Amino acid sequence: MFKIVLFISLMFSSIFANVDGHIDIVKKSNSIPKIAVSVASDSSSDFTLSRLKKSLEDDLNVSGHFDLSNVNVPSSSYDSTPDMLALSNQGVSLFVNLASQKESNGGYTLRVKLFDVNQRALVLEKNFTTSQLDRSVFLAHKAAISINDFFKAPSIAWMEKFVVFAVYRNAGNADIMIGDYTLTYKQTVVSGGLNIFPKWADKEQKSIYYTSYNYKKPTLVKLNIYNRSKDIIMDSDGMLACSDVNADGSKILVTASPTGQPDIFVYDTRSKNKTQITKYGGIDVGGQFVENDSKIVFVSDRLGNPNIFSQNIGSTAVERMVYHSNNNSSVTSNKNNIVFSSKDSSNELGGKSFNLYLINSKTDNMTRLTTNGVNQFPKFSPDGETLLFIKNYAGVSSLGIIRLEFNKSFLFPLKGERIQSIDW
């Protein structure tokens, strides 16, 4: 029983430690264009527009595909051509001019013009409108995606997707929220009692799975966040959580404890049948699909401490995946790539930490993704190019983003609240 409580506490909480530096750029390319963003000189004073300018700059920076200019650029009216010579003299290759418009129905429009300074030409003009002003940050995300797509750069479409996360309110109380990846926008979708381990149920992000402790037993619930319809999937004594959903949503991996010890089950969402995969007398949790849903990776204490293992579905043979540290407590996967959180005894800055490591199920290569602090609950973006994770430090929870191709990291704090788990 003590081991179960220990595992659950590992998945429910993080140890506080030093935060990584704001950004660490390892990969640079001379082909990355320098881009400047400005608010049109004839635009009305608008706090929302100023905030969207900052959000768009952050998005372009996070993408890794643009070099954000930090010099003061000459502003111009929205319908005029900017001073191309002055921009060129400052090394700017691309110039974005922004304006806004408040609609009669209460909506808000972000107007965007993109100029190619080298060609002395307007190359892109788009308007982005929302009927919900509190979601206006998504206009900046859409603008960044459109600019990125215009140059046929690798997709950053994940920026306009919601993240779903659980937030501790007080003892025995946790709500589930959705937000954008910077946590600028946040909305509570489940409140009251203890609700944890949210997981998107579909690519369209209409429904979520989550674990509720508001019933007689821990209960796995599927909720449509738009029409509020609910389905009870199963209940279980002890630990219960949906840890992964396959690409078409037809199968989910569930950690459940019907006989006292947690094991991993695959649940068919169409037939409603549940099949047990692991049958170990100890603790198996956090299963993730790999290799086209033919195999899972998961966390188990079968060596006395939490570590990462793999098992073919339908087989009883188990393979150890990680030979690093003696405490590897969370894992995520995308195709053959696996990222896990590992407790390191020390680091170059001193003190204990949980760091994230990347391995491939087909090779023996391992890469450390973080250098200090406590970094847990990693989640791949749908395209596998970006990693989402949670960092806790000095009472502040942050959503972390790692752009794997560029080895760039960013932190977005959730002030005054503590994130329990997260998904996108």
Protein backbone atom coordinates (compact mmCIF):
# COMPACT_ATOMS: atom_id res chain seq x y z
CA MET A 1 0.00 0.00 0.00
CA PHE A 2 2.87 2.38 0.81
CA LYS A 3 4.31 1.92 -2.71
CA ILE A 4 0.95 2.77 -4.30
CA VAL A 5 0.73 5.96 -2.24
CA LEU A 6 4.30 6.82 -3.22
CA PHE A 7 3.61 6.34 -6.92
CA ILE A 8 0.42 8.37 -6.77
CA SER A 9 2.25 11.18 -4.96
CA LEU A 10 4.93 11.13 -7.65
CA MET A 11 2.26 11.59 -10.32
CA PHE A 12 0.34 14.20 -8.29
CA SER A 13 3.23 16.44 -7.32
CA SER A 14 6.66 17.81 -8.11
CA ILE A 15 9.62 18.94 -6.01
CA PHE A 16 10.55 22.60 -6.29
CA ALA A 17 13.90 23.48 -7.83
CA ASN A 18 15.69 26.05 -9.96
CA VAL A 19 14.06 27.19 -13.18
CA ASP A 20 15.88 26.79 -16.49
CA GLY A 21 17.17 29.93 -18.17
CA HIS A 22 14.59 31.76 -20.31
CA ILE A 23 16.03 30.53 -23.59
CA ASP A 24 18.93 28.43 -24.77
CA ILE A 25 19.56 28.53 -28.50
CA VAL A 26 21.83 25.79 -29.76
CA LYS A 27 20.84 25.72 -33.42
CA LYS A 28 20.93 28.83 -35.56
CA SER A 29 20.75 29.28 -39.29
CA ASN A 30 21.85 32.18 -41.45
CA SER A 31 18.72 31.61 -43.52
CA ILE A 32 16.36 32.56 -40.69
CA PRO A 33 14.87 35.96 -41.63
CA LYS A 34 14.85 38.88 -39.21
CA ILE A 35 11.27 39.99 -38.59
CA ALA A 36 9.87 43.10 -36.93
CA VAL A 37 6.33 43.61 -35.62
CA SER A 38 4.74 47.03 -35.23
CA VAL A 39 1.37 48.56 -34.39
CA ALA A 40 0.15 50.89 -37.12
CA SER A 41 0.66 54.56 -36.28
CA ASP A 42 -2.97 55.38 -37.01
CA SER A 43 -4.35 52.57 -34.88
CA SER A 44 -6.38 53.63 -31.86
CA SER A 45 -4.86 53.16 -28.42
CA ASP A 46 -5.89 49.59 -27.62
CA PHE A 47 -4.58 47.48 -24.74
CA THR A 48 -5.73 44.29 -26.46
CA LEU A 49 -3.80 45.17 -29.62
CA SER A 50 -0.63 45.89 -27.64
CA ARG A 51 -1.01 42.53 -25.92
CA LEU A 52 -1.57 40.77 -29.25
CA LYS A 53 1.59 42.37 -30.67
CA LYS A 54 3.58 40.89 -27.77
CA SER A 55 1.87 37.51 -28.20
CA LEU A 56 2.62 37.46 -31.94
CA GLU A 57 6.27 38.31 -31.26
CA ASP A 58 6.44 35.51 -28.70
CA ASP A 59 4.86 33.05 -31.16
CA LEU A 60 7.30 33.93 -33.93
CA ASN A 61 10.17 33.56 -31.47
CA VAL A 62 8.91 30.22 -30.16
CA SER A 63 8.55 28.90 -33.71
CA GLY A 64 12.32 28.98 -34.23
CA HIS A 65 11.78 29.97 -37.86
CA PHE A 66 12.23 33.74 -37.42
CA ASP A 67 14.82 36.00 -35.81
CA LEU A 68 12.83 38.60 -33.89
CA SER A 69 14.20 42.13 -34.31
CA ASN A 70 14.91 43.94 -31.03
CA VAL A 71 15.49 47.36 -32.57
CA ASN A 72 12.98 50.18 -32.76
CA VAL A 73 11.49 50.16 -36.22
CA PRO A 74 9.78 53.13 -37.87
CA SER A 75 5.99 52.89 -37.59
CA SER A 76 3.63 53.65 -40.45
CA SER A 77 -0.09 53.93 -40.97
CA TYR A 78 -1.87 50.69 -41.76
CA ASP A 79 -2.74 51.58 -45.36
CA SER A 80 0.66 53.03 -46.26
CA THR A 81 3.89 51.37 -47.32
CA PRO A 82 6.51 51.27 -44.52
CA ASP A 83 9.94 52.88 -44.91
CA MET A 84 11.64 49.94 -46.61
CA LEU A 85 15.07 51.59 -46.73
CA ALA A 86 15.07 52.32 -43.00
CA LEU A 87 13.98 48.75 -42.25
CA SER A 88 16.63 47.32 -44.57
CA ASN A 89 19.34 49.45 -42.96
CA GLN A 90 18.43 47.85 -39.63
CA GLY A 91 18.76 44.37 -41.10
CA VAL A 92 15.02 43.68 -41.11
CA SER A 93 13.86 41.30 -43.85
CA LEU A 94 10.18 41.03 -42.90
CA PHE A 95 7.87 43.64 -41.44
CA VAL A 96 4.46 42.99 -39.85
CA ASN A 97 2.06 45.88 -39.36
CA LEU A 98 -0.95 45.41 -37.08
CA ALA A 99 -4.25 47.17 -36.64
CA SER A 100 -7.51 46.28 -34.92
CA GLN A 101 -11.20 46.76 -35.39
CA LYS A 102 -14.03 46.35 -32.90
CA GLU A 103 -17.08 44.82 -34.54
CA SER A 104 -20.67 46.01 -34.03
CA ASN A 105 -21.65 42.59 -32.64
CA GLY A 106 -19.01 42.86 -29.91
CA GLY A 107 -16.39 40.86 -31.81
CA TYR A 108 -12.78 41.85 -32.32
CA THR A 109 -10.68 41.75 -35.50
CA LEU A 110 -6.89 41.67 -35.76
CA ARG A 111 -5.71 43.06 -39.11
CA VAL A 112 -2.31 41.88 -40.30
CA LYS A 113 -0.06 42.96 -43.17
CA LEU A 114 3.26 41.26 -43.95
CA PHE A 115 5.86 43.06 -46.06
CA ASP A 116 8.93 41.52 -47.68
CA VAL A 117 11.51 44.28 -47.21
CA ASN A 118 13.96 42.85 -49.74
CA GLN A 119 11.27 42.69 -52.43
CA ARG A 120 9.78 46.04 -51.34
CA ALA A 121 6.35 44.42 -51.49
CA LEU A 122 3.23 43.54 -49.49
CA VAL A 123 3.15 39.73 -49.61
CA LEU A 124 0.36 38.79 -47.18
CA GLU A 125 -2.73 40.51 -45.81
CA LYS A 126 -5.22 38.77 -43.53
CA ASN A 127 -7.87 39.57 -40.94
CA PHE A 128 -8.58 37.35 -37.93
CA THR A 129 -11.84 37.76 -36.00
CA THR A 130 -13.21 36.39 -32.75
CA SER A 131 -16.61 36.85 -31.15
CA GLN A 132 -15.10 36.22 -27.69
CA LEU A 133 -12.69 38.93 -26.62
CA ASP A 134 -11.26 36.79 -23.81
CA ARG A 135 -9.96 34.40 -26.49
CA SER A 136 -8.27 37.15 -28.49
CA VAL A 137 -4.79 35.66 -27.90
CA PHE A 138 -5.73 32.96 -30.43
CA LEU A 139 -5.83 35.70 -33.09
CA ALA A 140 -2.10 36.21 -32.54
CA HIS A 141 -1.53 32.44 -32.70
CA LYS A 142 -3.47 32.24 -35.99
CA ALA A 143 -1.50 35.17 -37.40
CA ALA A 144 1.81 33.51 -36.51
CA ILE A 145 0.67 30.25 -38.11
CA SER A 146 -0.36 32.08 -41.30
CA ILE A 147 2.96 33.92 -41.55
CA ASN A 148 4.82 30.68 -40.91
CA ASP A 149 2.73 28.80 -43.51
CA PHE A 150 3.29 31.54 -46.11
CA PHE A 151 7.00 30.69 -46.08
CA LYS A 152 6.23 26.94 -46.08
CA ALA A 153 8.16 26.50 -42.84
CA PRO A 154 7.51 23.37 -40.74
CA SER A 155 4.04 23.61 -39.21
CA ILE A 156 3.40 25.38 -35.91
CA ALA A 157 -0.34 24.62 -36.04
CA TRP A 158 -0.15 23.29 -32.48
CA MET A 159 -0.07 26.92 -31.29
CA GLU A 160 -3.81 27.37 -31.83
CA LYS A 161 -4.76 24.15 -30.03
CA PHE A 162 -6.05 24.14 -26.49
CA VAL A 163 -4.12 22.65 -23.63
CA VAL A 164 -6.13 20.98 -20.87
CA PHE A 165 -4.80 20.87 -17.33
CA ALA A 166 -5.83 20.21 -13.74
CA VAL A 167 -5.20 22.87 -11.10
CA TYR A 168 -5.11 22.31 -7.34
CA ARG A 169 -7.34 24.77 -5.46
CA ASN A 170 -6.92 23.41 -1.92
CA ALA A 171 -6.80 20.07 -0.10
CA GLY A 172 -9.11 17.61 -1.84
CA ASN A 173 -10.03 20.13 -4.53
CA ALA A 174 -8.79 20.33 -8.12
CA ASP A 175 -10.47 21.86 -11.16
CA ILE A 176 -9.88 21.16 -14.84
CA MET A 177 -9.18 24.07 -17.17
CA ILE A 178 -8.48 24.67 -20.84
CA GLY A 179 -6.24 27.40 -22.18
CA ASP A 180 -3.83 28.41 -24.88
CA TYR A 181 -0.23 27.19 -24.70
CA THR A 182 0.97 30.43 -23.08
CA LEU A 183 -1.77 30.31 -20.40
CA THR A 184 -2.84 33.82 -21.44
CA TYR A 185 -6.35 32.43 -21.94
CA LYS A 186 -7.81 30.11 -19.28
CA GLN A 187 -11.30 28.75 -18.68
CA THR A 188 -12.55 26.27 -16.09
CA VAL A 189 -14.49 23.34 -17.60
CA VAL A 190 -14.82 21.05 -14.53
CA SER A 191 -15.07 22.35 -10.97
CA GLY A 192 -16.04 21.13 -7.53
CA GLY A 193 -14.32 18.29 -5.68
CA LEU A 194 -11.22 16.45 -6.85
CA ASN A 195 -10.88 16.18 -10.65
CA ILE A 196 -7.48 15.24 -12.06
CA PHE A 197 -5.54 13.64 -14.95
CA PRO A 198 -7.36 15.29 -17.89
CA LYS A 199 -6.67 13.85 -21.36
CA TRP A 200 -8.05 14.95 -24.74
CA ALA A 201 -10.37 12.29 -26.13
CA ASP A 202 -10.26 13.39 -29.78
CA LYS A 203 -8.21 15.43 -32.25
CA GLU A 204 -11.03 17.96 -32.54
CA GLN A 205 -10.65 18.72 -28.81
CA LYS A 206 -14.36 18.45 -28.14
CA SER A 207 -14.17 15.91 -25.31
CA ILE A 208 -11.84 15.00 -22.47
CA TYR A 209 -11.28 12.03 -20.18
CA TYR A 210 -10.58 12.79 -16.55
CA THR A 211 -10.59 11.08 -13.17
CA SER A 212 -13.18 12.21 -10.64
CA TYR A 213 -13.04 11.42 -6.94
CA ASN A 214 -16.59 12.71 -6.44
CA TYR A 215 -18.19 9.26 -6.67
CA LYS A 216 -18.05 6.26 -4.30
CA LYS A 217 -14.94 5.07 -6.14
CA PRO A 218 -12.42 6.87 -8.37
CA THR A 219 -14.29 7.19 -11.67
CA LEU A 220 -13.10 7.74 -15.23
CA VAL A 221 -15.41 10.23 -16.95
CA LYS A 222 -15.66 11.35 -20.59
CA LEU A 223 -16.98 14.89 -20.91
CA ASN A 224 -17.98 16.87 -23.99
CA ILE A 225 -16.77 20.35 -22.99
CA TYR A 226 -19.26 22.05 -25.35
CA ASN A 227 -22.61 20.35 -24.74
CA ARG A 228 -21.60 19.09 -21.25
CA SER A 229 -22.72 15.50 -21.91
CA LYS A 230 -20.99 12.90 -19.71
CA ASP A 231 -20.25 9.20 -20.02
CA ILE A 232 -19.00 7.07 -17.15
CA ILE A 233 -16.25 4.83 -18.58
CA MET A 234 -15.34 2.78 -15.50
CA ASP A 235 -14.56 2.98 -11.81
CA SER A 236 -11.89 1.31 -9.73
CA ASP A 237 -10.46 1.13 -6.24
CA GLY A 238 -7.10 2.82 -5.77
CA MET A 239 -5.57 4.59 -8.72
CA LEU A 240 -7.47 5.28 -11.97
CA ALA A 241 -6.36 7.42 -14.92
CA CYS A 242 -6.47 7.55 -18.70
CA SER A 243 -2.85 7.93 -19.77
CA ASP A 244 -3.05 7.78 -23.57
CA VAL A 245 -5.49 7.90 -26.49
CA ASN A 246 -4.59 6.43 -29.88
CA ALA A 247 -4.69 8.46 -33.09
CA ASP A 248 -8.32 7.78 -34.05
CA GLY A 249 -9.65 7.71 -30.49
CA SER A 250 -10.75 4.07 -30.76
CA LYS A 251 -8.51 2.86 -27.93
CA ILE A 252 -7.34 4.33 -24.67
CA LEU A 253 -4.82 3.14 -22.11
CA VAL A 254 -6.08 3.16 -18.55
CA THR A 255 -4.29 2.59 -15.26
CA ALA A 256 -6.74 0.87 -12.92
CA SER A 257 -6.61 -1.10 -9.67
CA PRO A 258 -9.48 -3.60 -9.67
CA THR A 259 -7.56 -6.04 -7.44
CA GLY A 260 -5.63 -3.57 -5.30
CA GLN A 261 -2.46 -3.07 -7.36
CA PRO A 262 -2.48 -0.76 -10.40
CA ASP A 263 -2.14 -2.38 -13.82
CA ILE A 264 -2.53 -1.11 -17.38
CA PHE A 265 -5.59 -1.91 -19.49
CA VAL A 266 -6.54 -1.12 -23.08
CA TYR A 267 -10.14 0.02 -23.43
CA ASP A 268 -11.91 -0.17 -26.79
CA THR A 269 -14.16 2.90 -27.01
CA ARG A 270 -16.40 1.28 -29.64
CA SER A 271 -17.00 -2.17 -28.15
CA LYS A 272 -16.60 -0.94 -24.53
CA ASN A 273 -14.37 -3.95 -23.86
CA LYS A 274 -11.45 -3.71 -21.46
CA THR A 275 -8.35 -5.93 -21.82
CA GLN A 276 -5.62 -6.19 -19.20
CA ILE A 277 -2.08 -5.77 -20.59
CA THR A 278 0.23 -5.86 -17.57
CA LYS A 279 -0.23 -8.46 -14.86
CA TYR A 280 2.54 -7.68 -12.41
CA GLY A 281 1.98 -8.00 -8.66
CA GLY A 282 3.40 -4.52 -8.04
CA ILE A 283 2.75 -1.16 -9.66
CA ASP A 284 2.37 -0.52 -13.41
CA VAL A 285 1.13 2.96 -14.41
CA GLY A 286 1.17 5.62 -17.13
CA GLY A 287 1.00 3.49 -20.30
CA GLN A 288 1.72 5.11 -23.68
CA PHE A 289 1.13 3.64 -27.15
CA VAL A 290 4.19 3.17 -29.38
CA GLU A 291 4.92 1.47 -32.71
CA ASN A 292 1.44 1.92 -34.22
CA ASP A 293 -0.39 0.85 -31.06
CA SER A 294 1.28 -2.57 -31.06
CA LYS A 295 3.32 -1.87 -27.94
CA ILE A 296 3.19 0.23 -24.80
CA VAL A 297 5.81 1.94 -22.68
CA PHE A 298 4.97 2.46 -19.02
CA VAL A 299 6.30 3.09 -15.51
CA SER A 300 6.75 0.14 -13.14
CA ASP A 301 8.39 -0.58 -9.79
CA ARG A 302 9.30 -4.17 -10.75
CA LEU A 303 12.99 -3.42 -10.06
CA GLY A 304 12.23 -1.83 -6.70
CA ASN A 305 12.13 1.75 -8.00
CA PRO A 306 10.05 3.43 -10.73
CA ASN A 307 11.53 2.82 -14.17
CA ILE A 308 10.45 2.74 -17.83
CA PHE A 309 9.54 -0.56 -19.50
CA SER A 310 7.93 -1.70 -22.74
CA GLN A 311 5.62 -4.59 -23.55
CA ASN A 312 3.98 -5.78 -26.75
CA ILE A 313 0.20 -5.82 -26.47
CA GLY A 314 -0.84 -9.47 -26.27
CA SER A 315 2.52 -10.57 -24.87
CA THR A 316 3.71 -11.06 -21.31
CA ALA A 317 7.39 -10.32 -22.05
CA VAL A 318 8.61 -7.03 -20.58
CA GLU A 319 11.70 -5.09 -21.66
CA ARG A 320 13.52 -2.45 -19.64
CA MET A 321 13.84 0.74 -21.70
CA VAL A 322 15.93 3.03 -19.48
CA TYR A 323 19.24 2.43 -17.72
CA HIS A 324 19.57 5.90 -16.24
CA SER A 325 18.92 6.81 -12.60
CA ASN A 326 16.77 4.75 -10.23
CA ASN A 327 13.71 7.02 -10.33
CA ASN A 328 12.03 7.54 -13.71
CA SER A 329 8.47 8.51 -12.88
CA SER A 330 6.66 9.77 -16.01
CA VAL A 331 6.82 9.04 -19.74
CA THR A 332 5.32 10.19 -23.06
CA SER A 333 5.70 8.90 -26.61
CA ASN A 334 5.30 9.92 -30.23
CA LYS A 335 5.83 7.16 -32.80
CA ASN A 336 9.22 5.68 -31.80
CA ASN A 337 10.37 8.64 -29.69
CA ILE A 338 10.05 8.46 -25.92
CA VAL A 339 10.62 11.21 -23.37
CA PHE A 340 10.79 10.42 -19.65
CA SER A 341 11.35 12.35 -16.43
CA SER A 342 14.30 11.14 -14.38
CA LYS A 343 15.46 12.08 -10.90
CA ASP A 344 19.14 12.99 -11.09
CA SER A 345 21.18 12.86 -7.89
CA SER A 346 22.88 16.14 -8.75
CA ASN A 347 23.68 18.50 -11.58
CA GLU A 348 26.37 20.97 -12.49
CA LEU A 349 24.58 23.72 -10.55
CA GLY A 350 24.22 21.59 -7.44
CA GLY A 351 21.17 20.02 -5.84
CA LYS A 352 18.79 17.28 -6.90
CA SER A 353 16.57 17.64 -9.95
CA PHE A 354 14.14 15.89 -12.28
CA ASN A 355 15.28 16.22 -15.89
CA LEU A 356 13.70 15.17 -19.19
CA TYR A 357 15.47 12.71 -21.49
CA LEU A 358 14.70 11.69 -25.07
CA ILE A 359 15.27 8.14 -26.34
CA ASN A 360 14.19 6.21 -29.43
CA SER A 361 12.61 2.77 -29.07
CA LYS A 362 14.61 1.54 -32.08
CA THR A 363 18.04 2.79 -30.98
CA ASP A 364 20.15 3.18 -27.84
CA ASN A 365 20.56 6.95 -28.21
CA MET A 366 19.62 9.16 -25.24
CA THR A 367 19.56 12.97 -25.13
CA ARG A 368 19.05 15.15 -22.07
CA LEU A 369 16.54 17.92 -22.80
CA THR A 370 16.73 19.95 -19.57
CA THR A 371 19.67 20.86 -17.35
CA ASN A 372 18.27 21.71 -13.93
CA GLY A 373 15.14 22.05 -11.84
CA VAL A 374 12.14 19.72 -11.69
CA ASN A 375 10.63 18.93 -15.08
CA GLN A 376 7.76 16.42 -15.20
CA PHE A 377 4.68 15.22 -17.10
CA PRO A 378 6.16 15.61 -20.61
CA LYS A 379 3.70 15.54 -23.54
CA PHE A 380 4.52 15.54 -27.26
CA SER A 381 2.69 17.86 -29.63
CA PRO A 382 0.66 15.98 -32.27
CA ASP A 383 3.48 16.40 -34.82
CA GLY A 384 6.15 15.26 -32.36
CA GLU A 385 8.29 18.38 -32.90
CA THR A 386 7.46 20.15 -29.64
CA LEU A 387 7.34 19.04 -26.03
CA LEU A 388 5.02 20.32 -23.32
CA PHE A 389 5.91 19.78 -19.64
CA ILE A 390 5.33 21.10 -16.12
CA LYS A 391 7.91 22.85 -13.97
CA ASN A 392 7.34 23.85 -10.32
CA TYR A 393 9.60 26.32 -8.54
CA ALA A 394 9.21 28.38 -5.36
CA GLY A 395 5.47 27.78 -5.23
CA VAL A 396 4.92 28.72 -8.89
CA SER A 397 3.83 26.22 -11.54
CA SER A 398 4.88 26.87 -15.13
CA LEU A 399 3.98 25.34 -18.43
CA GLY A 400 7.20 24.58 -20.29
CA ILE A 401 7.70 24.33 -24.04
CA ILE A 402 10.73 22.73 -25.73
CA ARG A 403 11.20 23.13 -29.48
CA LEU A 404 13.10 19.91 -30.08
CA GLU A 405 14.59 20.77 -33.48
CA PHE A 406 16.06 24.03 -32.19
CA ASN A 407 16.69 23.06 -28.55
CA LYS A 408 14.88 26.20 -27.42
CA SER A 409 12.91 26.25 -24.17
CA PHE A 410 10.27 28.64 -22.82
CA LEU A 411 8.34 28.91 -19.55
CA PHE A 412 4.82 30.30 -19.04
CA PRO A 413 3.90 30.62 -15.33
CA LEU A 414 0.46 30.05 -13.83
CA LYS A 415 0.69 32.51 -10.98
CA GLY A 416 -0.94 31.65 -7.69
CA GLU A 417 -2.02 28.16 -8.75
CA ARG A 418 -0.41 24.75 -9.06
CA ILE A 419 -0.73 22.56 -12.14
CA GLN A 420 -1.37 18.87 -11.37
CA SER A 421 -1.19 17.37 -14.88
CA ILE A 422 -1.52 18.55 -18.48
CA ASP A 423 -2.28 17.46 -22.04
CA TRP A 424 -2.67 18.93 -25.52
